[in-house]
Amino acid sequence: MKTLKTHFQIVHDMLTGPNCSGFGWDIEKKTVTVEKPVWDAYIHSHKEAAPFKLKSFPYYDDLSMIFGKDRATGQHAETPANVEKQLQNEGGDNNLDDNTSNDNVDNASDNNVDIQLVSKSSKRSQSQTECSRDLAEALTESTATLAAVIEKSSARLSKAIGEDLNEKHMQLGNELSRTTTLPIMERHKVFRLIMQDNALVSYFFSLSDELKDDWAKGILAGTI
């Protein structure tokens, strides 16, 4: 999960960061699109982005949902529970401050006015309470829907992580042969050492090609 988040951040910075001018996103291929001059200038100061020049990143949309920062999280943000509680409390605090007395009318008129005002106030308070209750129920339903979406996305990500690791395991031997200068027997030893830890597998594939040879030799020598 940590490796996927790191990869997401690298791609996300290319598409939305301060140096994102000239970058685009191919929705069908799930790859970054950019002209060579823009890419060469960007990669000069962002070497970690090198593997994503042509590499497909199919989980970017899902990860945007999990790691995206476009939700209210500041000190003034309210949770659905807080809003619901506030709405419920509002139902009992709606009072009218109407002037129902008149010095020039008799007691019978005063009583009729008082009764009418109390009736109107009661109906208005009841209506506002029902409205608050409806809003609270809507918020509760929205919270449950959001929880279901997050659970579904988490399940998809877990499956994606497993598939991604399986693919890397199958590609590891060829990748060691392609990017390192080690003799075949030493490559076998490095292969066995890396396969013992999925974190090492993921890290190896995150390195640029020019770093993989030295890193593999370090694993073999026990210095890493």
Protein backbone atom coordinates (compact mmCIF):
# COMPACT_ATOMS: atom_id res chain seq x y z
CA MET A 1 0.00 0.00 0.00
CA LYS A 2 2.86 2.39 0.86
CA THR A 3 4.49 1.80 -2.54
CA LEU A 4 1.23 2.42 -4.41
CA LYS A 5 0.71 5.64 -2.47
CA THR A 6 4.25 6.75 -3.37
CA HIS A 7 3.63 6.01 -7.06
CA PHE A 8 0.29 7.83 -6.88
CA GLN A 9 1.96 10.91 -5.39
CA ILE A 10 4.59 10.97 -8.16
CA VAL A 11 1.94 10.82 -10.91
CA HIS A 12 -0.38 13.20 -9.05
CA ASP A 13 2.40 15.81 -8.76
CA MET A 14 3.04 15.59 -12.51
CA LEU A 15 -0.64 16.21 -13.27
CA THR A 16 -1.52 18.80 -10.60
CA GLY A 17 1.75 20.10 -9.12
CA PRO A 18 3.43 23.47 -9.67
CA ASN A 19 5.33 22.04 -12.68
CA CYS A 20 2.33 20.33 -14.31
CA SER A 21 2.20 22.55 -17.41
CA GLY A 22 2.33 20.39 -20.54
CA PHE A 23 1.27 17.16 -18.78
CA GLY A 24 -1.95 15.30 -19.54
CA TRP A 25 -3.66 12.02 -18.66
CA ASP A 26 -4.72 9.33 -21.16
CA ILE A 27 -7.93 7.95 -19.63
CA GLU A 28 -7.95 4.80 -21.79
CA LYS A 29 -4.27 3.86 -21.51
CA LYS A 30 -3.94 5.18 -17.92
CA THR A 31 -0.64 6.87 -18.77
CA VAL A 32 0.83 10.34 -18.51
CA THR A 33 1.02 12.26 -21.80
CA VAL A 34 3.75 14.85 -22.35
CA GLU A 35 5.98 16.20 -25.11
CA LYS A 36 9.66 15.20 -25.01
CA PRO A 37 11.09 18.70 -24.27
CA VAL A 38 8.71 19.15 -21.32
CA TRP A 39 9.50 15.65 -20.05
CA ASP A 40 13.27 16.14 -20.32
CA ALA A 41 13.06 19.40 -18.35
CA TYR A 42 10.84 17.83 -15.69
CA ILE A 43 12.85 14.63 -15.23
CA HIS A 44 16.01 16.68 -14.70
CA SER A 45 14.73 17.70 -11.25
CA HIS A 46 12.26 14.82 -10.63
CA LYS A 47 14.27 11.65 -11.27
CA GLU A 48 11.79 9.54 -9.29
CA ALA A 49 9.26 10.09 -12.09
CA ALA A 50 11.44 8.33 -14.71
CA PRO A 51 9.56 4.97 -14.69
CA PHE A 52 6.24 6.70 -15.49
CA LYS A 53 7.19 8.09 -18.90
CA LEU A 54 5.43 5.23 -20.69
CA LYS A 55 4.32 3.09 -17.76
CA SER A 56 0.58 2.51 -17.30
CA PHE A 57 -0.80 3.31 -13.83
CA PRO A 58 -4.29 1.74 -13.86
CA TYR A 59 -5.13 2.47 -10.23
CA TYR A 60 -4.74 6.25 -10.36
CA ASP A 61 -8.49 6.98 -10.28
CA ASP A 62 -9.10 4.63 -7.34
CA LEU A 63 -6.15 6.05 -5.43
CA SER A 64 -7.40 9.58 -6.10
CA MET A 65 -10.56 8.65 -4.23
CA ILE A 66 -8.57 7.35 -1.24
CA PHE A 67 -5.66 9.79 -1.11
CA GLY A 68 -7.27 12.85 -2.72
CA LYS A 69 -7.26 16.08 -0.68
CA ASP A 70 -10.34 17.77 -2.06
CA ARG A 71 -12.52 16.97 0.95
CA ALA A 72 -13.10 19.41 3.81
CA THR A 73 -10.63 18.58 6.55
CA GLY A 74 -9.88 21.99 8.09
CA GLN A 75 -10.60 23.18 11.61
CA HIS A 76 -14.06 24.46 10.55
CA ALA A 77 -15.09 21.25 8.75
CA GLU A 78 -18.11 19.45 10.22
CA THR A 79 -18.66 15.71 10.31
CA PRO A 80 -22.09 14.29 9.42
CA ALA A 81 -22.55 13.31 13.08
CA ASN A 82 -21.93 16.90 14.24
CA VAL A 83 -24.32 18.34 11.67
CA GLU A 84 -26.95 15.77 12.53
CA LYS A 85 -26.71 16.59 16.24
CA GLN A 86 -26.91 20.29 15.51
CA LEU A 87 -29.99 19.85 13.32
CA GLN A 88 -31.72 17.78 15.99
CA ASN A 89 -31.00 20.41 18.65
CA GLU A 90 -32.39 23.16 16.44
CA GLY A 91 -35.80 21.54 16.50
CA GLY A 92 -36.40 22.46 20.16
CA ASP A 93 -35.06 26.03 20.08
CA ASN A 94 -37.40 27.79 17.65
CA ASN A 95 -39.27 30.37 19.68
CA LEU A 96 -41.25 33.36 18.45
CA ASP A 97 -40.90 36.70 20.14
CA ASP A 98 -44.14 38.27 19.00
CA ASN A 99 -45.86 41.11 20.75
CA THR A 100 -49.36 39.86 21.54
CA SER A 101 -50.56 42.51 23.93
CA ASN A 102 -52.50 45.62 23.04
CA ASP A 103 -53.52 48.26 25.56
CA ASN A 104 -56.61 49.23 23.52
CA VAL A 105 -58.32 45.83 23.29
CA ASP A 106 -60.28 43.92 25.87
CA ASN A 107 -59.25 40.70 27.66
CA ALA A 108 -61.21 38.48 25.28
CA SER A 109 -59.34 39.86 22.27
CA ASP A 110 -56.00 39.39 24.07
CA ASN A 111 -56.80 35.75 24.75
CA ASN A 112 -57.77 35.11 21.11
CA VAL A 113 -54.54 36.70 19.84
CA ASP A 114 -52.47 34.68 22.31
CA ILE A 115 -54.11 31.43 21.23
CA GLN A 116 -53.58 32.20 17.53
CA LEU A 117 -49.90 33.07 18.05
CA VAL A 118 -49.26 29.97 20.15
CA SER A 119 -50.92 27.83 17.47
CA LYS A 120 -48.84 29.39 14.67
CA SER A 121 -45.66 29.08 16.72
CA SER A 122 -46.39 25.43 17.50
CA LYS A 123 -47.05 24.58 13.84
CA ARG A 124 -43.92 26.41 12.67
CA SER A 125 -41.79 24.71 15.32
CA GLN A 126 -43.22 21.32 14.37
CA SER A 127 -42.52 21.96 10.67
CA GLN A 128 -38.92 23.00 11.37
CA THR A 129 -38.40 19.96 13.58
CA GLU A 130 -39.65 17.64 10.83
CA CYS A 131 -37.37 19.36 8.30
CA SER A 132 -34.39 18.97 10.64
CA ARG A 133 -35.24 15.30 11.14
CA ASP A 134 -35.42 14.73 7.37
CA LEU A 135 -32.02 16.37 6.89
CA ALA A 136 -30.53 14.28 9.69
CA GLU A 137 -31.86 11.09 8.09
CA ALA A 138 -30.45 12.15 4.72
CA LEU A 139 -27.03 12.74 6.28
CA THR A 140 -27.12 9.33 7.95
CA GLU A 141 -27.98 7.68 4.63
CA SER A 142 -25.17 9.60 2.87
CA THR A 143 -22.68 8.47 5.52
CA ALA A 144 -23.68 4.83 5.00
CA THR A 145 -23.34 5.21 1.22
CA LEU A 146 -19.87 6.74 1.58
CA ALA A 147 -18.79 3.91 3.87
CA ALA A 148 -19.93 1.36 1.28
CA VAL A 149 -17.99 3.14 -1.48
CA ILE A 150 -14.81 3.21 0.64
CA GLU A 151 -15.20 -0.49 1.51
CA LYS A 152 -15.62 -1.39 -2.17
CA SER A 153 -12.61 0.70 -3.18
CA SER A 154 -10.49 -0.89 -0.44
CA ALA A 155 -11.41 -4.37 -1.68
CA ARG A 156 -10.48 -3.40 -5.24
CA LEU A 157 -7.16 -1.96 -4.07
CA SER A 158 -6.34 -5.09 -2.05
CA LYS A 159 -6.97 -7.20 -5.14
CA ALA A 160 -4.92 -4.80 -7.26
CA ILE A 161 -1.99 -4.96 -4.84
CA GLY A 162 -1.99 -8.77 -4.99
CA GLU A 163 -2.12 -8.79 -8.78
CA ASP A 164 0.63 -6.17 -8.99
CA LEU A 165 2.95 -8.23 -6.77
CA ASN A 166 2.28 -11.42 -8.72
CA GLU A 167 3.19 -9.65 -11.95
CA LYS A 168 6.40 -8.30 -10.42
CA HIS A 169 7.37 -11.77 -9.16
CA MET A 170 7.05 -13.15 -12.68
CA GLN A 171 9.04 -10.28 -14.20
CA LEU A 172 11.83 -10.18 -11.59
CA GLY A 173 14.18 -12.66 -13.28
CA ASN A 174 14.00 -10.92 -16.65
CA GLU A 175 14.37 -7.52 -15.03
CA LEU A 176 17.53 -8.60 -13.17
CA SER A 177 18.97 -9.96 -16.41
CA ARG A 178 18.11 -6.77 -18.30
CA THR A 179 19.33 -4.16 -15.81
CA THR A 180 22.26 -5.77 -13.96
CA THR A 181 25.74 -6.98 -14.91
CA LEU A 182 25.74 -9.87 -12.44
CA PRO A 183 26.70 -13.39 -13.59
CA ILE A 184 23.78 -15.79 -13.84
CA MET A 185 24.45 -17.60 -10.53
CA GLU A 186 24.70 -14.31 -8.64
CA ARG A 187 21.46 -13.18 -10.25
CA HIS A 188 19.81 -16.35 -8.94
CA LYS A 189 21.04 -15.53 -5.43
CA VAL A 190 19.74 -11.97 -5.66
CA PHE A 191 16.43 -13.28 -7.00
CA ARG A 192 16.05 -15.61 -4.00
CA LEU A 193 16.92 -12.85 -1.51
CA ILE A 194 14.52 -10.32 -3.02
CA MET A 195 11.64 -12.80 -3.29
CA GLN A 196 11.76 -13.33 0.49
CA ASP A 197 10.34 -9.83 1.08
CA ASN A 198 7.56 -8.26 -0.99
CA ALA A 199 8.75 -4.82 0.10
CA LEU A 200 12.12 -5.49 -1.58
CA VAL A 201 10.36 -6.60 -4.75
CA SER A 202 8.32 -3.41 -4.89
CA TYR A 203 11.32 -1.22 -4.11
CA PHE A 204 13.45 -2.86 -6.82
CA PHE A 205 10.82 -2.09 -9.46
CA SER A 206 10.51 1.50 -8.23
CA LEU A 207 14.20 2.17 -8.96
CA SER A 208 15.33 3.63 -12.27
CA ASP A 209 17.26 1.21 -14.51
CA GLU A 210 20.63 2.86 -13.86
CA LEU A 211 20.30 2.28 -10.08
CA LYS A 212 19.18 -1.36 -10.15
CA ASP A 213 22.63 -2.84 -10.82
CA ASP A 214 24.31 -1.23 -7.79
CA TRP A 215 21.30 -1.99 -5.61
CA ALA A 216 21.30 -5.69 -6.59
CA LYS A 217 25.03 -5.90 -5.84
CA GLY A 218 24.40 -4.33 -2.44
CA ILE A 219 21.72 -6.92 -1.67
CA LEU A 220 24.11 -9.70 -2.66
CA ALA A 221 26.95 -8.26 -0.53
CA GLY A 222 24.67 -7.75 2.47
CA THR A 223 25.33 -4.00 2.63
CA ILE A 224 21.67 -3.15 2.08
